[in-house]
């Protein structure tokens, strides 16, 4: 999953550790593959989650995991839900 998450500049060593903790939590709890355009940025303990997911459940799962990670001071969930389209032959 880490290879799929876009890297963002980290503002401090503390923010870097927090981002790593979040990524570890997401990896441990993931039940679905994460889309390649999800981005997690941490600035002064505030976590920004941006990108696109295909279902509300994905968005909620990521939010719940992030909010339960120690050290998160505040959280901005900017994920957009873009449902996957079924193929014409399906």
N, C-alpha and C. Protein backbone atom coordinates (compact mmCIF):
# COMPACT_ATOMS: atom_id res chain seq x y z
N UNK A 1 0.83 -1.19 0.00
CA UNK A 1 0.00 0.00 0.00
C UNK A 1 0.88 1.25 0.00
N UNK A 2 1.99 1.23 0.72
CA UNK A 2 2.82 2.43 0.81
C UNK A 2 3.25 2.93 -0.55
N UNK A 3 3.51 2.03 -1.46
CA UNK A 3 3.94 2.45 -2.79
C UNK A 3 2.82 3.21 -3.49
N UNK A 4 1.58 2.97 -3.10
CA UNK A 4 0.45 3.62 -3.74
C UNK A 4 0.17 5.01 -3.18
N UNK A 5 0.63 5.27 -1.96
CA UNK A 5 0.35 6.56 -1.35
C UNK A 5 1.38 7.58 -1.80
N UNK A 6 0.91 8.67 -2.33
CA UNK A 6 1.80 9.72 -2.81
C UNK A 6 2.55 10.34 -1.64
N UNK A 7 3.83 10.57 -1.85
CA UNK A 7 4.66 11.19 -0.82
C UNK A 7 4.41 12.69 -0.77
N UNK A 8 4.41 13.22 0.42
CA UNK A 8 4.26 14.64 0.64
C UNK A 8 5.40 15.11 1.52
N UNK A 9 5.81 16.37 1.39
CA UNK A 9 6.86 16.88 2.27
C UNK A 9 6.42 16.79 3.72
N UNK A 10 7.33 16.39 4.59
CA UNK A 10 7.05 16.26 6.01
C UNK A 10 7.65 17.47 6.71
N UNK A 11 6.88 18.07 7.61
CA UNK A 11 7.34 19.32 8.22
C UNK A 11 8.23 19.12 9.45
N UNK A 12 8.20 17.96 10.09
CA UNK A 12 9.05 17.73 11.25
C UNK A 12 9.23 16.24 11.46
N UNK A 13 10.19 15.89 12.31
CA UNK A 13 10.41 14.47 12.63
C UNK A 13 9.18 13.90 13.33
N UNK A 14 8.54 14.70 14.16
CA UNK A 14 7.33 14.24 14.85
C UNK A 14 6.21 13.95 13.84
N UNK A 15 6.04 14.82 12.87
CA UNK A 15 5.03 14.60 11.83
C UNK A 15 5.37 13.36 11.01
N UNK A 16 6.65 13.15 10.75
CA UNK A 16 7.07 11.98 9.98
C UNK A 16 6.74 10.70 10.75
N UNK A 17 7.02 10.68 12.06
CA UNK A 17 6.68 9.50 12.87
C UNK A 17 5.18 9.27 12.90
N UNK A 18 4.40 10.34 13.01
CA UNK A 18 2.95 10.22 13.02
C UNK A 18 2.45 9.64 11.70
N UNK A 19 2.99 10.13 10.59
CA UNK A 19 2.59 9.61 9.28
C UNK A 19 2.93 8.12 9.17
N UNK A 20 4.10 7.73 9.64
CA UNK A 20 4.49 6.32 9.62
C UNK A 20 3.54 5.48 10.47
N UNK A 21 3.16 5.98 11.65
CA UNK A 21 2.22 5.27 12.49
C UNK A 21 0.87 5.10 11.81
N UNK A 22 0.42 6.13 11.13
CA UNK A 22 -0.85 6.07 10.39
C UNK A 22 -0.75 5.03 9.28
N UNK A 23 0.33 5.07 8.51
CA UNK A 23 0.51 4.10 7.43
C UNK A 23 0.54 2.67 7.96
N UNK A 24 1.24 2.46 9.08
CA UNK A 24 1.28 1.12 9.69
C UNK A 24 -0.12 0.68 10.11
N UNK A 25 -0.89 1.58 10.70
CA UNK A 25 -2.26 1.25 11.11
C UNK A 25 -3.13 0.93 9.91
N UNK A 26 -3.00 1.70 8.86
CA UNK A 26 -3.79 1.44 7.65
C UNK A 26 -3.42 0.09 7.05
N UNK A 27 -2.14 -0.25 7.04
CA UNK A 27 -1.71 -1.54 6.51
C UNK A 27 -2.27 -2.69 7.34
N UNK A 28 -2.22 -2.57 8.65
CA UNK A 28 -2.72 -3.63 9.54
C UNK A 28 -4.22 -3.82 9.41
N UNK A 29 -4.95 -2.76 9.14
CA UNK A 29 -6.41 -2.81 9.15
C UNK A 29 -7.05 -2.86 7.77
N UNK A 30 -6.25 -2.81 6.74
CA UNK A 30 -6.80 -2.74 5.38
C UNK A 30 -7.53 -4.03 5.02
N UNK A 31 -8.73 -3.87 4.51
CA UNK A 31 -9.48 -5.01 4.00
C UNK A 31 -9.71 -4.89 2.50
N UNK A 32 -9.33 -3.76 1.96
CA UNK A 32 -9.45 -3.53 0.51
C UNK A 32 -8.17 -2.87 0.03
N UNK A 33 -7.93 -2.93 -1.28
CA UNK A 33 -6.80 -2.21 -1.85
C UNK A 33 -7.13 -0.73 -1.89
N UNK A 34 -6.14 0.09 -1.55
CA UNK A 34 -6.35 1.52 -1.58
C UNK A 34 -6.03 2.08 -2.95
N UNK A 35 -6.79 3.06 -3.39
CA UNK A 35 -6.55 3.66 -4.70
C UNK A 35 -5.20 4.37 -4.75
N UNK A 36 -4.63 4.47 -5.93
CA UNK A 36 -3.29 5.05 -6.06
C UNK A 36 -3.23 6.55 -5.82
N UNK A 37 -4.34 7.23 -5.83
CA UNK A 37 -4.28 8.68 -5.69
C UNK A 37 -4.69 9.19 -4.31
N UNK A 38 -4.54 8.34 -3.29
CA UNK A 38 -4.78 8.78 -1.91
C UNK A 38 -3.48 9.38 -1.38
N UNK A 39 -3.60 10.52 -0.73
CA UNK A 39 -2.43 11.23 -0.22
C UNK A 39 -2.66 11.57 1.26
N UNK A 40 -1.65 11.28 2.07
CA UNK A 40 -1.70 11.61 3.49
C UNK A 40 -0.58 12.59 3.78
N UNK A 41 -0.95 13.74 4.33
CA UNK A 41 0.00 14.77 4.68
C UNK A 41 -0.17 15.08 6.16
N UNK A 42 0.93 15.28 6.87
CA UNK A 42 0.87 15.64 8.28
C UNK A 42 1.64 16.94 8.47
N UNK A 43 0.98 17.90 9.07
CA UNK A 43 1.61 19.19 9.38
C UNK A 43 1.23 19.60 10.80
N UNK A 44 2.23 19.64 11.66
CA UNK A 44 2.03 20.05 13.06
C UNK A 44 0.94 19.23 13.74
N UNK A 45 0.91 17.93 13.47
CA UNK A 45 -0.06 17.04 14.09
C UNK A 45 -1.42 17.01 13.43
N UNK A 46 -1.64 17.85 12.44
CA UNK A 46 -2.89 17.83 11.68
C UNK A 46 -2.71 16.92 10.47
N UNK A 47 -3.62 15.97 10.32
CA UNK A 47 -3.55 15.00 9.23
C UNK A 47 -4.52 15.41 8.14
N UNK A 48 -4.01 15.48 6.92
CA UNK A 48 -4.83 15.79 5.74
C UNK A 48 -4.90 14.54 4.88
N UNK A 49 -6.11 14.09 4.61
CA UNK A 49 -6.34 12.92 3.77
C UNK A 49 -7.02 13.41 2.51
N UNK A 50 -6.36 13.21 1.36
CA UNK A 50 -6.87 13.72 0.10
C UNK A 50 -6.80 12.64 -0.97
N UNK A 51 -7.66 12.76 -1.96
CA UNK A 51 -7.67 11.84 -3.08
C UNK A 51 -9.07 11.33 -3.36
N UNK A 52 -9.11 10.17 -4.01
CA UNK A 52 -10.39 9.59 -4.41
C UNK A 52 -10.49 8.15 -3.94
N UNK A 53 -11.68 7.79 -3.48
CA UNK A 53 -12.00 6.40 -3.14
C UNK A 53 -13.30 6.04 -3.85
N UNK A 54 -13.56 4.73 -3.96
CA UNK A 54 -14.74 4.32 -4.72
C UNK A 54 -15.98 4.13 -3.85
N UNK A 55 -15.80 4.02 -2.52
CA UNK A 55 -16.96 3.76 -1.66
C UNK A 55 -16.87 4.57 -0.37
N UNK A 56 -18.01 4.91 0.17
CA UNK A 56 -18.09 5.60 1.46
C UNK A 56 -17.42 4.77 2.55
N UNK A 57 -17.55 3.45 2.49
CA UNK A 57 -16.96 2.58 3.51
C UNK A 57 -15.44 2.73 3.55
N UNK A 58 -14.80 2.89 2.40
CA UNK A 58 -13.34 3.11 2.36
C UNK A 58 -12.98 4.42 3.06
N UNK A 59 -13.72 5.45 2.74
CA UNK A 59 -13.48 6.76 3.33
C UNK A 59 -13.64 6.70 4.85
N UNK A 60 -14.70 6.07 5.30
CA UNK A 60 -14.98 5.98 6.72
C UNK A 60 -13.94 5.13 7.45
N UNK A 61 -13.52 4.02 6.83
CA UNK A 61 -12.53 3.16 7.45
C UNK A 61 -11.22 3.91 7.65
N UNK A 62 -10.78 4.63 6.62
CA UNK A 62 -9.54 5.39 6.73
C UNK A 62 -9.66 6.48 7.80
N UNK A 63 -10.79 7.14 7.84
CA UNK A 63 -11.01 8.18 8.84
C UNK A 63 -10.96 7.60 10.25
N UNK A 64 -11.64 6.49 10.47
CA UNK A 64 -11.65 5.86 11.79
C UNK A 64 -10.25 5.46 12.23
N UNK A 65 -9.47 4.89 11.32
CA UNK A 65 -8.11 4.47 11.65
C UNK A 65 -7.25 5.69 12.00
N UNK A 66 -7.34 6.72 11.20
CA UNK A 66 -6.53 7.91 11.45
C UNK A 66 -6.91 8.55 12.78
N UNK A 67 -8.19 8.68 13.04
CA UNK A 67 -8.63 9.31 14.29
C UNK A 67 -8.26 8.50 15.53
N UNK A 68 -8.05 7.19 15.37
CA UNK A 68 -7.68 6.36 16.51
C UNK A 68 -6.16 6.27 16.69
N UNK A 69 -5.39 6.92 15.82
CA UNK A 69 -3.94 6.89 15.92
C UNK A 69 -3.47 7.92 16.94
N UNK A 70 -2.71 7.48 17.95
CA UNK A 70 -2.20 8.44 18.95
C UNK A 70 -1.34 9.52 18.30
N UNK A 71 -1.51 10.75 18.75
CA UNK A 71 -0.71 11.86 18.24
C UNK A 71 -1.43 12.73 17.23
N UNK A 72 -2.57 12.26 16.71
CA UNK A 72 -3.33 13.07 15.75
C UNK A 72 -4.03 14.18 16.52
N UNK A 73 -3.67 15.41 16.22
CA UNK A 73 -4.27 16.57 16.91
C UNK A 73 -5.56 17.01 16.24
N UNK A 74 -5.57 16.98 14.93
CA UNK A 74 -6.79 17.29 14.18
C UNK A 74 -6.71 16.57 12.85
N UNK A 75 -7.85 16.54 12.16
CA UNK A 75 -7.95 15.72 10.95
C UNK A 75 -8.84 16.43 9.94
N UNK A 76 -8.39 16.44 8.70
CA UNK A 76 -9.16 17.01 7.59
C UNK A 76 -9.33 15.93 6.53
N UNK A 77 -10.54 15.41 6.40
CA UNK A 77 -10.82 14.36 5.43
C UNK A 77 -11.33 15.01 4.16
N UNK A 78 -10.48 15.06 3.16
CA UNK A 78 -10.83 15.67 1.88
C UNK A 78 -10.96 14.62 0.78
N UNK A 79 -11.25 13.38 1.18
CA UNK A 79 -11.45 12.34 0.19
C UNK A 79 -12.76 12.58 -0.56
N UNK A 80 -12.73 12.28 -1.84
CA UNK A 80 -13.91 12.39 -2.69
C UNK A 80 -14.31 10.98 -3.11
N UNK A 81 -15.59 10.71 -3.08
CA UNK A 81 -16.08 9.39 -3.49
C UNK A 81 -16.40 9.43 -4.97
N UNK A 82 -15.68 8.59 -5.72
CA UNK A 82 -15.89 8.45 -7.16
C UNK A 82 -16.14 6.98 -7.43
N UNK A 83 -17.41 6.56 -7.49
CA UNK A 83 -17.72 5.15 -7.69
C UNK A 83 -17.09 4.61 -8.98
N UNK A 84 -16.64 3.36 -8.88
CA UNK A 84 -16.11 2.68 -10.06
C UNK A 84 -17.27 2.35 -10.98
N UNK A 85 -17.03 2.52 -12.26
CA UNK A 85 -18.06 2.17 -13.24
C UNK A 85 -17.92 0.71 -13.64
N UNK A 86 -19.04 0.02 -13.71
CA UNK A 86 -19.02 -1.37 -14.16
C UNK A 86 -18.77 -1.39 -15.65
N UNK A 87 -18.12 -2.43 -16.10
CA UNK A 87 -17.85 -2.52 -17.54
C UNK A 87 -19.14 -2.76 -18.29
N UNK A 88 -19.17 -2.36 -19.55
CA UNK A 88 -20.39 -2.43 -20.36
C UNK A 88 -20.88 -3.86 -20.52
N UNK A 89 -19.96 -4.83 -20.48
CA UNK A 89 -20.35 -6.21 -20.68
C UNK A 89 -20.81 -6.90 -19.42
N UNK A 90 -20.71 -6.24 -18.28
CA UNK A 90 -21.05 -6.88 -17.01
C UNK A 90 -22.52 -6.78 -16.72
